[in-house]
Protein backbone atom coordinates (compact mmCIF):
# COMPACT_ATOMS: atom_id res chain seq x y z
CA MET A 1 0.00 0.00 0.00
CA ARG A 2 1.05 3.63 -0.46
CA ALA A 3 2.08 5.53 2.66
CA MET A 4 3.96 8.70 3.57
CA VAL A 5 6.70 7.49 5.90
CA LEU A 6 8.92 9.34 8.41
CA ASP A 7 12.36 7.69 8.78
CA SER A 8 13.89 10.10 11.31
CA THR A 9 13.29 13.42 13.02
CA ALA A 10 14.39 16.49 11.09
CA SER A 11 14.21 20.27 11.17
CA LEU A 12 11.82 21.56 8.53
CA ASP A 13 14.16 24.50 8.05
CA GLU A 14 16.78 22.06 6.79
CA CYS A 15 14.63 19.27 5.34
CA ARG A 16 11.61 20.40 3.37
CA ALA A 17 10.44 16.86 2.56
CA PRO A 18 10.78 14.74 5.71
CA LEU A 19 8.14 12.23 4.57
CA ALA A 20 8.77 9.78 1.72
CA LEU A 21 6.07 8.15 -0.42
CA THR A 22 6.73 4.46 0.16
CA ASP A 23 5.14 1.13 -0.71
CA ILE A 24 4.73 -0.84 2.54
CA PRO A 25 2.82 -4.02 3.42
CA CYS A 26 -0.87 -3.68 4.20
CA PRO A 27 -1.44 -4.25 7.94
CA VAL A 28 -3.42 -7.24 9.21
CA PRO A 29 -5.88 -6.69 12.07
CA ALA A 30 -4.99 -8.49 15.28
CA GLU A 31 -7.54 -9.81 17.77
CA GLY A 32 -9.97 -7.02 18.67
CA GLU A 33 -8.79 -4.76 15.85
CA VAL A 34 -10.39 -3.57 12.62
CA LEU A 35 -8.69 -2.83 9.32
CA ILE A 36 -9.69 0.55 7.88
CA GLU A 37 -9.38 1.64 4.27
CA VAL A 38 -8.45 5.28 4.72
CA SER A 39 -10.34 7.92 2.77
CA THR A 40 -9.00 11.13 4.32
CA CYS A 41 -6.61 12.18 7.06
CA GLY A 42 -6.32 15.61 8.62
CA VAL A 43 -2.98 17.40 8.98
CA CYS A 44 -2.22 18.55 12.52
CA HIS A 45 0.44 20.71 14.17
CA THR A 46 1.32 17.69 16.31
CA GLU A 47 2.79 16.08 13.18
CA LEU A 48 5.23 19.00 13.09
CA ASP A 49 6.12 18.25 16.71
CA GLU A 50 6.75 14.61 15.82
CA ILE A 51 8.87 15.41 12.77
CA GLU A 52 10.97 18.04 14.53
CA GLY A 53 11.49 15.91 17.63
CA ARG A 54 9.42 17.72 20.27
CA THR A 55 7.30 14.57 20.71
CA PRO A 56 9.28 12.02 18.70
CA PRO A 57 8.05 8.57 17.72
CA PRO A 58 9.67 5.84 19.85
CA GLU A 59 10.63 3.86 16.73
CA PHE A 60 11.21 4.48 13.03
CA PRO A 61 10.00 4.25 10.37
CA ILE A 62 6.52 5.51 11.26
CA VAL A 63 3.44 6.57 9.31
CA PRO A 64 2.05 9.82 10.80
CA GLY A 65 -1.58 10.96 10.84
CA HIS A 66 -4.22 10.90 13.56
CA GLN A 67 -7.37 12.51 12.11
CA VAL A 68 -8.41 9.50 10.08
CA VAL A 69 -11.68 8.78 8.29
CA GLY A 70 -12.33 5.58 6.37
CA ARG A 71 -14.36 2.41 6.13
CA VAL A 72 -13.98 -0.88 7.95
CA VAL A 73 -12.92 -3.57 5.46
CA GLU A 74 -11.83 -6.43 7.73
CA LEU A 75 -12.42 -7.55 11.31
CA GLY A 76 -9.94 -9.23 13.62
CA SER A 77 -11.13 -12.11 15.76
CA GLY A 78 -13.46 -11.20 18.60
CA CYS A 79 -14.76 -7.95 17.08
CA SER A 80 -18.44 -7.11 17.58
CA LEU A 81 -18.80 -3.31 17.41
CA HIS A 82 -18.45 -2.86 13.64
CA VAL A 83 -19.17 -4.62 10.37
CA PRO A 84 -17.41 -4.19 7.03
CA GLY A 85 -18.58 -0.99 5.37
CA HIS A 86 -19.00 1.05 8.55
CA ARG A 87 -17.63 4.59 8.17
CA VAL A 88 -15.43 5.32 11.17
CA GLY A 89 -12.88 7.81 12.44
CA VAL A 90 -9.71 7.47 14.50
CA GLY A 91 -8.20 10.24 16.62
CA TRP A 92 -4.94 10.80 18.49
CA ILE A 93 -5.79 8.05 20.99
CA HIS A 94 -5.10 4.71 19.30
CA SER A 95 -5.42 2.58 22.42
CA SER A 96 -5.32 2.81 26.21
CA ASP A 97 -6.76 1.21 29.33
CA GLY A 98 -10.29 2.61 28.95
CA SER A 99 -10.23 4.37 32.33
CA PRO A 100 -11.40 7.98 32.88
CA GLN A 101 -7.72 8.99 32.84
CA GLU A 102 -6.80 6.92 29.79
CA ASN A 103 -5.26 9.97 28.12
CA ILE A 104 -2.49 10.29 30.73
CA VAL A 105 -1.70 6.69 31.73
CA GLU A 106 1.46 4.85 30.68
CA SER A 107 -0.48 2.51 28.39
CA PHE A 108 -1.68 5.41 26.19
CA ARG A 109 -0.57 4.95 22.59
CA ALA A 110 -0.88 7.72 20.03
CA THR A 111 -2.02 7.18 16.46
CA GLY A 112 0.70 8.11 13.99
CA ARG A 113 3.39 8.41 16.66
CA ASP A 114 3.47 5.18 18.68
CA VAL A 115 1.78 3.13 15.92
CA ASN A 116 1.27 3.72 12.20
CA GLY A 117 -1.42 6.25 11.41
CA GLY A 118 -3.53 7.58 8.58
CA TYR A 119 -1.05 8.98 6.03
CA ALA A 120 -1.59 5.66 4.25
CA GLU A 121 -4.18 3.67 2.34
CA PHE A 122 -4.92 1.31 5.24
CA MET A 123 -4.45 1.21 9.02
CA THR A 124 -5.54 -0.92 11.99
CA VAL A 125 -6.95 0.17 15.34
CA PRO A 126 -8.66 -1.51 18.32
CA GLU A 127 -12.37 -1.51 17.49
CA ALA A 128 -13.34 0.54 20.57
CA TYR A 129 -11.26 3.44 19.24
CA ALA A 130 -12.89 3.44 15.82
CA HIS A 131 -15.77 5.92 16.15
CA PRO A 132 -18.88 6.10 13.94
CA ILE A 133 -18.98 9.25 11.80
CA PRO A 134 -22.31 11.15 11.62
CA ASP A 135 -23.88 11.33 8.17
CA THR A 136 -23.94 15.14 8.48
CA PHE A 137 -20.29 15.38 7.44
CA THR A 138 -18.35 14.40 4.35
CA ASP A 139 -15.14 12.43 4.84
CA GLN A 140 -13.10 15.61 4.35
CA GLU A 141 -15.20 17.58 6.83
CA ALA A 142 -15.13 14.78 9.40
CA ALA A 143 -11.33 14.40 9.52
CA PRO A 144 -10.57 17.58 11.55
CA LEU A 145 -13.28 16.64 14.03
CA LEU A 146 -11.21 13.64 15.17
CA CYS A 147 -8.51 15.83 16.77
CA ALA A 148 -8.89 19.57 16.24
CA GLY A 149 -12.57 19.31 17.14
CA SER A 150 -12.46 16.61 19.81
CA VAL A 151 -9.49 17.98 21.74
CA GLY A 152 -11.03 21.44 21.36
CA TYR A 153 -14.17 20.06 22.98
CA ARG A 154 -12.03 18.73 25.84
CA ALA A 155 -10.32 22.10 26.24
CA LEU A 156 -13.69 23.85 26.31
CA ARG A 157 -14.92 21.53 29.06
CA LEU A 158 -11.74 22.14 31.06
CA THR A 159 -12.36 25.90 31.08
CA GLY A 160 -15.28 25.35 33.46
CA ILE A 161 -17.03 28.27 31.81
CA GLU A 162 -20.71 29.02 32.39
CA ASP A 163 -23.16 30.62 29.97
CA GLY A 164 -22.77 34.39 30.04
CA GLN A 165 -19.10 34.40 31.03
CA VAL A 166 -16.51 35.72 28.58
CA LEU A 167 -14.48 33.14 26.63
CA GLY A 168 -11.25 33.94 24.80
CA LEU A 169 -9.52 31.96 22.06
CA THR A 170 -5.89 32.72 21.26
CA GLY A 171 -4.79 31.21 17.96
CA PHE A 172 -7.42 30.57 15.32
CA GLY A 173 -6.54 27.58 13.18
CA GLY A 174 -7.99 24.10 12.76
CA SER A 175 -9.20 23.79 16.35
CA GLY A 176 -10.16 27.40 17.03
CA HIS A 177 -12.65 27.70 14.19
CA LEU A 178 -14.50 24.63 15.49
CA VAL A 179 -14.38 25.58 19.20
CA LEU A 180 -15.81 29.04 18.44
CA GLN A 181 -18.89 27.53 16.81
CA LEU A 182 -19.29 24.92 19.54
CA ALA A 183 -18.97 27.50 22.31
CA ALA A 184 -21.51 29.77 20.65
CA HIS A 185 -23.93 26.82 20.56
CA LEU A 186 -23.36 25.67 24.15
CA TYR A 187 -23.03 29.15 25.72
CA PRO A 188 -25.23 31.43 23.60
CA HIS A 189 -24.97 34.36 26.04
CA SER A 190 -21.17 34.29 26.36
CA PRO A 191 -19.14 36.88 24.45
CA ILE A 192 -16.33 35.16 22.52
CA TYR A 193 -13.10 37.06 21.87
CA VAL A 194 -10.50 35.81 19.38
CA PHE A 195 -6.81 36.78 19.52
CA ALA A 196 -4.91 36.07 16.29
CA ARG A 197 -1.90 37.60 14.53
CA SER A 198 -3.39 37.30 11.05
CA ALA A 199 -5.97 39.82 9.82
CA LYS A 200 -7.45 37.02 7.68
CA GLU A 201 -7.88 34.80 10.72
CA ARG A 202 -9.52 37.64 12.64
CA ALA A 203 -11.92 38.29 9.75
CA PHE A 204 -12.74 34.57 9.58
CA ALA A 205 -13.44 34.56 13.32
CA LEU A 206 -15.88 37.46 12.99
CA GLU A 207 -17.50 35.72 10.02
CA LEU A 208 -18.10 32.66 12.23
CA GLY A 209 -19.68 34.74 14.99
CA ALA A 210 -16.90 36.00 17.27
CA THR A 211 -17.97 39.00 19.35
CA TRP A 212 -14.57 40.68 18.95
CA ALA A 213 -11.27 39.85 17.27
CA GLY A 214 -7.86 41.43 17.78
CA ASP A 215 -4.12 40.79 17.68
CA THR A 216 -2.42 38.67 20.35
CA GLU A 217 -1.68 41.61 22.64
CA ASP A 218 -4.69 43.81 21.85
CA ASP A 219 -7.00 44.65 24.74
CA PRO A 220 -10.52 43.20 24.40
CA PRO A 221 -13.68 44.99 25.61
CA GLN A 222 -13.40 43.15 28.93
CA HIS A 223 -11.21 40.51 30.51
CA ALA A 224 -12.16 36.84 30.04
CA GLN A 225 -13.22 34.22 32.55
CA ALA A 226 -11.32 31.65 30.48
CA ILE A 227 -8.99 31.63 27.48
CA ILE A 228 -8.01 28.62 25.37
CA ASP A 229 -4.53 28.80 23.84
CA THR A 230 -3.90 26.61 20.76
CA THR A 231 -0.69 28.25 19.58
CA PRO A 232 2.81 26.67 19.50
CA ALA A 233 4.41 29.80 20.99
CA TRP A 234 4.92 31.29 24.47
CA LYS A 235 4.04 34.93 23.81
CA PRO A 236 0.28 34.18 23.70
CA VAL A 237 0.53 32.52 27.13
CA LEU A 238 1.75 35.73 28.77
CA ALA A 239 -0.70 37.86 26.80
CA ALA A 240 -3.62 35.62 27.74
CA LEU A 241 -2.77 35.62 31.45
CA GLU A 242 -2.84 39.43 31.46
CA ARG A 243 -6.29 39.37 29.86
CA LEU A 244 -7.93 37.05 32.39
CA ARG A 245 -10.26 38.39 35.03
CA PRO A 246 -9.55 37.54 38.72
CA GLY A 247 -10.15 33.83 39.23
CA GLY A 248 -9.90 33.20 35.49
CA ARG A 249 -8.37 30.13 33.86
CA LEU A 250 -6.00 29.69 30.93
CA VAL A 251 -6.27 26.30 29.22
CA ILE A 252 -3.26 25.47 27.05
CA ASN A 253 -4.32 23.06 24.32
CA ALA A 254 -1.00 21.87 22.88
CA ILE A 255 1.04 18.67 22.97
CA ARG A 256 4.26 20.71 22.92
CA LYS A 257 5.37 24.35 22.74
CA GLU A 258 8.16 25.42 20.42
CA GLY A 259 11.32 26.91 21.88
CA GLY A 260 11.74 30.00 19.69
CA ASP A 261 10.34 32.53 22.18
CA ARG A 262 10.62 30.53 25.41
CA ASP A 263 12.88 33.20 26.96
CA LEU A 264 9.84 35.48 27.14
CA MET A 265 8.64 33.43 30.10
CA ALA A 266 11.47 34.98 32.11
CA THR A 267 9.54 38.27 31.95
CA ILE A 268 6.50 36.88 33.76
CA ARG A 269 5.27 39.18 36.54
CA TYR A 270 3.41 37.57 39.39
CA GLU A 271 1.21 40.60 40.07
CA ASP A 272 0.09 40.95 36.42
CA HIS A 273 0.02 37.37 35.17
CA LEU A 274 -0.81 35.10 38.13
CA TRP A 275 -2.15 37.02 41.11
CA HIS A 276 -5.86 37.11 42.02
CA GLU A 277 -6.15 33.31 41.89
CA LYS A 278 -5.65 32.91 38.17
CA GLU A 279 -5.20 29.30 37.03
CA ILE A 280 -3.34 27.48 34.25
CA LYS A 281 -4.49 24.07 33.04
CA THR A 282 -3.12 21.97 30.17
CA VAL A 283 -4.73 19.51 27.81
CA ALA A 284 -2.59 16.37 27.63
CA ASN A 285 -4.36 14.15 25.10
CA VAL A 286 -7.86 13.34 23.94
CA THR A 287 -9.85 10.41 25.36
CA GLY A 288 -12.14 8.01 23.56
CA ARG A 289 -15.03 9.49 25.53
CA ASP A 290 -14.20 12.98 24.22
CA ILE A 291 -14.45 11.81 20.60
CA ALA A 292 -17.58 9.71 21.20
CA GLU A 293 -19.38 12.65 22.87
CA PHE A 294 -18.16 15.32 20.48
CA LEU A 295 -19.02 13.79 17.10
CA PRO A 296 -22.82 13.65 17.59
CA LEU A 297 -22.70 17.07 19.27
CA ALA A 298 -20.85 18.49 16.26
CA ALA A 299 -23.55 17.07 14.00
CA SER A 300 -26.34 18.56 16.11
CA VAL A 301 -24.98 22.12 15.84
CA PRO A 302 -24.04 21.44 12.95
CA LEU A 303 -20.46 22.68 12.83
CA ARG A 304 -19.25 24.38 9.68
CA VAL A 305 -15.90 22.75 8.87
CA LYS A 306 -13.55 24.66 6.58
CA VAL A 307 -10.95 22.45 4.86
CA GLN A 308 -8.17 22.73 2.30
CA GLU A 309 -7.49 19.49 0.42
CA TYR A 310 -4.17 17.91 -0.64
CA ARG A 311 -3.28 14.59 -2.28
CA LEU A 312 -1.49 11.99 -0.13
CA GLU A 313 1.79 12.49 -1.98
CA ALA A 314 1.56 16.24 -1.24
CA ALA A 315 1.72 15.68 2.53
CA ASN A 316 5.06 17.48 2.83
CA ARG A 317 3.58 20.53 1.12
CA ALA A 318 0.57 20.45 3.46
CA LEU A 319 2.85 20.33 6.50
CA LEU A 320 4.95 23.23 5.26
CA ASP A 321 1.84 25.26 4.49
CA LEU A 322 0.58 24.54 8.00
CA ARG A 323 3.86 25.71 9.50
CA ASP A 324 4.61 28.65 7.24
CA SER A 325 1.22 30.19 6.56
CA HIS A 326 -1.88 31.11 8.46
CA VAL A 327 -4.54 28.46 8.27
CA LYS A 328 -8.14 29.26 7.42
CA GLY A 329 -9.71 26.12 8.84
CA SER A 330 -8.01 22.73 8.52
CA LYS A 331 -5.80 20.90 6.04
CA VAL A 332 -6.82 17.41 4.88
CA LEU A 333 -5.10 14.71 2.81
CA VAL A 334 -7.45 13.00 0.36
CA ILE A 335 -6.23 9.43 0.02
CA LYS A 336 -9.16 7.71 -1.69
CA GLN A 337 -11.50 9.69 -3.94
């Protein structure tokens, strides 16, 4: 089968094509697993973290990709949740112990990092982590929901926000454009402020219903009860903390932060950034429950999913575009037409 394979970590500044189109054997489902013929796979910033070594795969070669949509084509022994032909999705969580804390236990295994993922024509996954896709969405629209949407849903829950309280979003890419719509649906009386460097992203946020949109360090009409940060940088962390009301919470929704502006954290001022019982919480990984709850909720809104499509063999270009340009929505690899 065709797959885009990562053989080693590399800096994208030095290696512009870290993935190689390779013919590899089609996987065989083990007991309790299903074989999925992949239709589409979303492109996520976490793939950049894997490639550049911030969250490296434990072994190489590896097939990245963890926003996977496809159809079940074969069942391993003991499977009972799916039948061939079912349209399913796979997120960042490939397998774990099934507990409420399955996203942070040692047995957690990540799709496309710890095991081969969806930048390929086929993949296997334990059947409990293959989630039915609502008919509301096309394959391309559904792919970003498996990570950008589902982990955004988790981040939104972790804010603890109540209807009427001000919510901020800093960074407005694949996850932000979905969380804004979800928050507006769940908390219709809450003002939603978006902080983004790009004027195009700010315009897109207003188009989707944001109450206000400004640059990272602009002052909003009022301070927020909670802010969700989805950026890879540190500057937005400091800016967000200054724009929280007393008792407010910053939720950092990122697997890793890049090191380029880390020294800015040395300028943190307790009285401006942390005092008055402000809180910081991080999102580690998504759980199976998050995905299972979020997908039907996304269909009930229904969320408007903005995607930009690439062919499988153009995965390197999609990753570079994600890193080098501002994203209006999400990027998706189309593997089977």
